[in-house]
């Protein structure tokens, strides 16, 4: 996946992380009041961790 990310033009790149834990830090650091977050990914990619942690922050969806 990293190769695919690197192949994108800079204007199309956002963030890439090796783990869901690293991704969670990126998401939380950019959240602002009123933001809506769509989490799409497999449980194998540990996206459940992202959802659980966002819910623990008091974010309701």
PDB file of N, CA and C in Angstrom:
ATOM      1  N   UNK A   1       0.817  -1.195   0.000  1.00  0.00           N
ATOM      2  CA  UNK A   1       0.000   0.000   0.000  1.00  0.00           C
ATOM      3  C   UNK A   1       0.861   1.260   0.000  1.00  0.00           C
ATOM      4  N   UNK A   2       2.009   1.189   0.629  1.00  0.00           N
ATOM      5  CA  UNK A   2       2.868   2.372   0.677  1.00  0.00           C
ATOM      6  C   UNK A   2       3.291   2.788  -0.730  1.00  0.00           C
ATOM      7  N   UNK A   3       3.580   1.809  -1.578  1.00  0.00           N
ATOM      8  CA  UNK A   3       3.978   2.123  -2.954  1.00  0.00           C
ATOM      9  C   UNK A   3       2.860   2.845  -3.703  1.00  0.00           C
ATOM     10  N   UNK A   4       1.621   2.432  -3.465  1.00  0.00           N
ATOM     11  CA  UNK A   4       0.488   3.099  -4.111  1.00  0.00           C
ATOM     12  C   UNK A   4       0.373   4.541  -3.626  1.00  0.00           C
ATOM     13  N   UNK A   5       0.536   4.744  -2.321  1.00  0.00           N
ATOM     14  CA  UNK A   5       0.482   6.085  -1.753  1.00  0.00           C
ATOM     15  C   UNK A   5       1.577   6.959  -2.352  1.00  0.00           C
ATOM     16  N   UNK A   6       2.788   6.430  -2.407  1.00  0.00           N
ATOM     17  CA  UNK A   6       3.919   7.194  -2.936  1.00  0.00           C
ATOM     18  C   UNK A   6       3.752   7.534  -4.412  1.00  0.00           C
ATOM     19  N   UNK A   7       3.000   6.710  -5.148  1.00  0.00           N
ATOM     20  CA  UNK A   7       2.795   6.949  -6.575  1.00  0.00           C
ATOM     21  C   UNK A   7       1.804   8.086  -6.843  1.00  0.00           C
ATOM     22  N   UNK A   8       1.023   8.453  -5.845  1.00  0.00           N
ATOM     23  CA  UNK A   8       0.057   9.539  -6.019  1.00  0.00           C
ATOM     24  C   UNK A   8       0.768  10.884  -6.119  1.00  0.00           C
ATOM     25  N   UNK A   9       0.215  11.805  -6.904  1.00  0.00           N
ATOM     26  CA  UNK A   9       0.763  13.164  -6.900  1.00  0.00           C
ATOM     27  C   UNK A   9       0.588  13.769  -5.503  1.00  0.00           C
ATOM     28  N   UNK A  10       1.474  14.663  -5.127  1.00  0.00           N
ATOM     29  CA  UNK A  10       1.416  15.273  -3.794  1.00  0.00           C
ATOM     30  C   UNK A  10       0.044  15.860  -3.482  1.00  0.00           C
ATOM     31  N   UNK A  11      -0.596  16.451  -4.475  1.00  0.00           N
ATOM     32  CA  UNK A  11      -1.899  17.086  -4.261  1.00  0.00           C
ATOM     33  C   UNK A  11      -2.985  16.072  -3.907  1.00  0.00           C
ATOM     34  N   UNK A  12      -2.761  14.801  -4.201  1.00  0.00           N
ATOM     35  CA  UNK A  12      -3.752  13.756  -3.927  1.00  0.00           C
ATOM     36  C   UNK A  12      -3.435  12.975  -2.654  1.00  0.00           C
ATOM     37  N   UNK A  13      -2.253  13.172  -2.095  1.00  0.00           N
ATOM     38  CA  UNK A  13      -1.866  12.443  -0.893  1.00  0.00           C
ATOM     39  C   UNK A  13      -2.468  13.108   0.340  1.00  0.00           C
ATOM     40  N   UNK A  14      -2.830  12.291   1.288  1.00  0.00           N
ATOM     41  CA  UNK A  14      -3.290  12.804   2.578  1.00  0.00           C
ATOM     42  C   UNK A  14      -2.354  12.237   3.640  1.00  0.00           C
ATOM     43  N   UNK A  15      -2.694  11.067   4.178  1.00  0.00           N
ATOM     44  CA  UNK A  15      -1.857  10.444   5.203  1.00  0.00           C
ATOM     45  C   UNK A  15      -1.768   8.954   4.947  1.00  0.00           C
ATOM     46  N   UNK A  16      -0.645   8.403   5.293  1.00  0.00           N
ATOM     47  CA  UNK A  16      -0.439   6.965   5.246  1.00  0.00           C
ATOM     48  C   UNK A  16       0.271   6.580   6.526  1.00  0.00           C
ATOM     49  N   UNK A  17      -0.204   5.518   7.168  1.00  0.00           N
ATOM     50  CA  UNK A  17       0.464   5.018   8.363  1.00  0.00           C
ATOM     51  C   UNK A  17       0.603   3.511   8.256  1.00  0.00           C
ATOM     52  N   UNK A  18       1.532   2.989   8.985  1.00  0.00           N
ATOM     53  CA  UNK A  18       1.781   1.546   8.994  1.00  0.00           C
ATOM     54  C   UNK A  18       0.733   0.804   9.819  1.00  0.00           C
ATOM     55  N   UNK A  19       0.240   1.442  10.879  1.00  0.00           N
ATOM     56  CA  UNK A  19      -0.681   0.755  11.791  1.00  0.00           C
ATOM     57  C   UNK A  19      -1.928   1.595  12.051  1.00  0.00           C
ATOM     58  N   UNK A  20      -2.965   0.929  12.534  1.00  0.00           N
ATOM     59  CA  UNK A  20      -4.189   1.647  12.886  1.00  0.00           C
ATOM     60  C   UNK A  20      -3.955   2.552  14.093  1.00  0.00           C
ATOM     61  N   UNK A  21      -3.045   2.174  14.972  1.00  0.00           N
ATOM     62  CA  UNK A  21      -2.726   3.017  16.123  1.00  0.00           C
ATOM     63  C   UNK A  21      -2.125   4.351  15.669  1.00  0.00           C
ATOM     64  N   UNK A  22      -1.226   4.287  14.694  1.00  0.00           N
ATOM     65  CA  UNK A  22      -0.639   5.517  14.152  1.00  0.00           C
ATOM     66  C   UNK A  22      -1.707   6.356  13.451  1.00  0.00           C
ATOM     67  N   UNK A  23      -2.585   5.692  12.723  1.00  0.00           N
ATOM     68  CA  UNK A  23      -3.661   6.398  12.030  1.00  0.00           C
ATOM     69  C   UNK A  23      -4.580   7.088  13.030  1.00  0.00           C
ATOM     70  N   UNK A  24      -4.866   6.429  14.129  1.00  0.00           N
ATOM     71  CA  UNK A  24      -5.720   7.016  15.159  1.00  0.00           C
ATOM     72  C   UNK A  24      -5.138   8.333  15.661  1.00  0.00           C
ATOM     73  N   UNK A  25      -3.840   8.363  15.883  1.00  0.00           N
ATOM     74  CA  UNK A  25      -3.190   9.601  16.332  1.00  0.00           C
ATOM     75  C   UNK A  25      -3.363  10.722  15.314  1.00  0.00           C
ATOM     76  N   UNK A  26      -3.230  10.387  14.035  1.00  0.00           N
ATOM     77  CA  UNK A  26      -3.402  11.390  12.977  1.00  0.00           C
ATOM     78  C   UNK A  26      -4.836  11.910  12.972  1.00  0.00           C
ATOM     79  N   UNK A  27      -5.791  10.994  13.049  1.00  0.00           N
ATOM     80  CA  UNK A  27      -7.201  11.399  13.024  1.00  0.00           C
ATOM     81  C   UNK A  27      -7.514  12.313  14.205  1.00  0.00           C
ATOM     82  N   UNK A  28      -7.136  11.896  15.395  1.00  0.00           N
ATOM     83  CA  UNK A  28      -7.450  12.679  16.593  1.00  0.00           C
ATOM     84  C   UNK A  28      -6.795  14.055  16.538  1.00  0.00           C
ATOM     85  N   UNK A  29      -5.591  14.131  16.013  1.00  0.00           N
ATOM     86  CA  UNK A  29      -4.897  15.424  15.963  1.00  0.00           C
ATOM     87  C   UNK A  29      -5.555  16.404  14.993  1.00  0.00           C
ATOM     88  N   UNK A  30      -6.371  15.899  14.070  1.00  0.00           N
ATOM     89  CA  UNK A  30      -7.016  16.767  13.088  1.00  0.00           C
ATOM     90  C   UNK A  30      -8.504  16.997  13.352  1.00  0.00           C
ATOM     91  N   UNK A  31      -9.067  16.296  14.317  1.00  0.00           N
ATOM     92  CA  UNK A  31     -10.497  16.450  14.588  1.00  0.00           C
ATOM     93  C   UNK A  31     -10.812  17.834  15.130  1.00  0.00           C
ATOM     94  N   UNK A  32     -11.919  18.361  14.645  1.00  0.00           N
ATOM     95  CA  UNK A  32     -12.430  19.629  15.149  1.00  0.00           C
ATOM     96  C   UNK A  32     -13.900  19.440  15.501  1.00  0.00           C
ATOM     97  N   UNK A  33     -14.392  20.285  16.381  1.00  0.00           N
ATOM     98  CA  UNK A  33     -15.794  20.199  16.795  1.00  0.00           C
ATOM     99  C   UNK A  33     -16.700  20.223  15.564  1.00  0.00           C
ATOM    100  N   UNK A  34     -17.631  19.288  15.521  1.00  0.00           N
ATOM    101  CA  UNK A  34     -18.585  19.230  14.426  1.00  0.00           C
ATOM    102  C   UNK A  34     -18.159  18.352  13.261  1.00  0.00           C
ATOM    103  N   UNK A  35     -16.931  17.833  13.294  1.00  0.00           N
ATOM    104  CA  UNK A  35     -16.471  16.964  12.214  1.00  0.00           C
ATOM    105  C   UNK A  35     -17.274  15.667  12.187  1.00  0.00           C
ATOM    106  N   UNK A  36     -17.430  15.135  11.002  1.00  0.00           N
ATOM    107  CA  UNK A  36     -18.048  13.835  10.792  1.00  0.00           C
ATOM    108  C   UNK A  36     -16.965  12.924  10.237  1.00  0.00           C
ATOM    109  N   UNK A  37     -16.840  11.735  10.817  1.00  0.00           N
ATOM    110  CA  UNK A  37     -15.794  10.805  10.399  1.00  0.00           C
ATOM    111  C   UNK A  37     -16.443   9.526   9.887  1.00  0.00           C
ATOM    112  N   UNK A  38     -16.086   9.132   8.680  1.00  0.00           N
ATOM    113  CA  UNK A  38     -16.501   7.853   8.118  1.00  0.00           C
ATOM    114  C   UNK A  38     -15.307   6.918   8.214  1.00  0.00           C
ATOM    115  N   UNK A  39     -15.484   5.810   8.903  1.00  0.00           N
ATOM    116  CA  UNK A  39     -14.418   4.818   9.016  1.00  0.00           C
ATOM    117  C   UNK A  39     -14.791   3.659   8.109  1.00  0.00           C
ATOM    118  N   UNK A  40     -13.976   3.440   7.089  1.00  0.00           N
ATOM    119  CA  UNK A  40     -14.230   2.359   6.146  1.00  0.00           C
ATOM    120  C   UNK A  40     -12.970   1.519   6.050  1.00  0.00           C
ATOM    121  N   UNK A  41     -13.110   0.273   6.347  1.00  0.00           N
ATOM    122  CA  UNK A  41     -11.972  -0.632   6.273  1.00  0.00           C
ATOM    123  C   UNK A  41     -12.331  -1.947   6.919  1.00  0.00           C
ATOM    124  N   UNK A  42     -11.444  -2.877   6.815  1.00  0.00           N
ATOM    125  CA  UNK A  42     -11.721  -4.214   7.328  1.00  0.00           C
ATOM    126  C   UNK A  42     -11.365  -4.328   8.805  1.00  0.00           C
ATOM    127  N   UNK A  43     -12.002  -5.302   9.443  1.00  0.00           N
ATOM    128  CA  UNK A  43     -11.626  -5.591  10.825  1.00  0.00           C
ATOM    129  C   UNK A  43     -10.193  -6.112  10.870  1.00  0.00           C
ATOM    130  N   UNK A  44      -9.771  -6.774   9.797  1.00  0.00           N
ATOM    131  CA  UNK A  44      -8.397  -7.252   9.716  1.00  0.00           C
ATOM    132  C   UNK A  44      -7.393  -6.113   9.717  1.00  0.00           C
ATOM    133  N   UNK A  45      -7.815  -4.954   9.224  1.00  0.00           N
ATOM    134  CA  UNK A  45      -6.963  -3.766   9.238  1.00  0.00           C
ATOM    135  C   UNK A  45      -7.111  -3.004  10.550  1.00  0.00           C
ATOM    136  N   UNK A  46      -7.876  -3.569  11.464  1.00  0.00           N
ATOM    137  CA  UNK A  46      -8.076  -3.037  12.817  1.00  0.00           C
ATOM    138  C   UNK A  46      -8.776  -1.680  12.828  1.00  0.00           C
ATOM    139  N   UNK A  47      -9.726  -1.511  11.917  1.00  0.00           N
ATOM    140  CA  UNK A  47     -10.498  -0.272  11.903  1.00  0.00           C
ATOM    141  C   UNK A  47     -11.447  -0.198  13.090  1.00  0.00           C
ATOM    142  N   UNK A  48     -11.765  -1.346  13.686  1.00  0.00           N
ATOM    143  CA  UNK A  48     -12.585  -1.353  14.893  1.00  0.00           C
ATOM    144  C   UNK A  48     -11.943  -0.548  16.010  1.00  0.00           C
ATOM    145  N   UNK A  49     -10.620  -0.575  16.078  1.00  0.00           N
ATOM    146  CA  UNK A  49      -9.894   0.215  17.077  1.00  0.00           C
ATOM    147  C   UNK A  49     -10.185   1.701  16.889  1.00  0.00           C
ATOM    148  N   UNK A  50     -10.192   2.149  15.645  1.00  0.00           N
ATOM    149  CA  UNK A  50     -10.464   3.558  15.348  1.00  0.00           C
ATOM    150  C   UNK A  50     -11.862   3.924  15.839  1.00  0.00           C
ATOM    151  N   UNK A  51     -12.842   3.098  15.499  1.00  0.00           N
ATOM    152  CA  UNK A  51     -14.226   3.360  15.900  1.00  0.00           C
ATOM    153  C   UNK A  51     -14.346   3.370  17.421  1.00  0.00           C
ATOM    154  N   UNK A  52     -13.783   2.366  18.075  1.00  0.00           N
ATOM    155  CA  UNK A  52     -13.877   2.277  19.536  1.00  0.00           C
ATOM    156  C   UNK A  52     -13.264   3.497  20.215  1.00  0.00           C
ATOM    157  N   UNK A  53     -12.118   3.928  19.737  1.00  0.00           N
ATOM    158  CA  UNK A  53     -11.446   5.074  20.359  1.00  0.00           C
ATOM    159  C   UNK A  53     -12.193   6.377  20.102  1.00  0.00           C
ATOM    160  N   UNK A  54     -12.753   6.534  18.910  1.00  0.00           N
ATOM    161  CA  UNK A  54     -13.548   7.737  18.642  1.00  0.00           C
ATOM    162  C   UNK A  54     -14.785   7.771  19.533  1.00  0.00           C
ATOM    163  N   UNK A  55     -15.423   6.622  19.702  1.00  0.00           N
ATOM    164  CA  UNK A  55     -16.583   6.558  20.592  1.00  0.00           C
ATOM    165  C   UNK A  55     -16.183   6.856  22.036  1.00  0.00           C
ATOM    166  N   UNK A  56     -15.012   6.407  22.441  1.00  0.00           N
ATOM    167  CA  UNK A  56     -14.534   6.664  23.802  1.00  0.00           C
ATOM    168  C   UNK A  56     -14.280   8.152  24.037  1.00  0.00           C
ATOM    169  N   UNK A  57     -14.009   8.887  22.965  1.00  0.00           N
ATOM    170  CA  UNK A  57     -13.813  10.333  23.084  1.00  0.00           C
ATOM    171  C   UNK A  57     -15.136  11.073  23.265  1.00  0.00           C
ATOM    172  N   UNK A  58     -16.229  10.337  23.134  1.00  0.00           N
ATOM    173  CA  UNK A  58     -17.534  10.957  23.285  1.00  0.00           C
ATOM    174  C   UNK A  58     -18.156  11.366  21.973  1.00  0.00           C
ATOM    175  N   UNK A  59     -17.566  10.919  20.884  1.00  0.00           N
ATOM    176  CA  UNK A  59     -18.102  11.214  19.562  1.00  0.00           C
ATOM    177  C   UNK A  59     -19.205  10.212  19.281  1.00  0.00           C
ATOM    178  N   UNK A  60     -20.374  10.701  18.911  1.00  0.00           N
ATOM    179  CA  UNK A  60     -21.494   9.811  18.629  1.00  0.00           C
ATOM    180  C   UNK A  60     -21.815   9.845  17.156  1.00  0.00           C
ATOM    181  N   UNK A  61     -22.218   8.700  16.633  1.00  0.00           N
ATOM    182  CA  UNK A  61     -22.528   8.653  15.218  1.00  0.00           C
ATOM    183  C   UNK A  61     -23.793   7.937  14.939  1.00  0.00           C
TER     184      UNK A  61
END
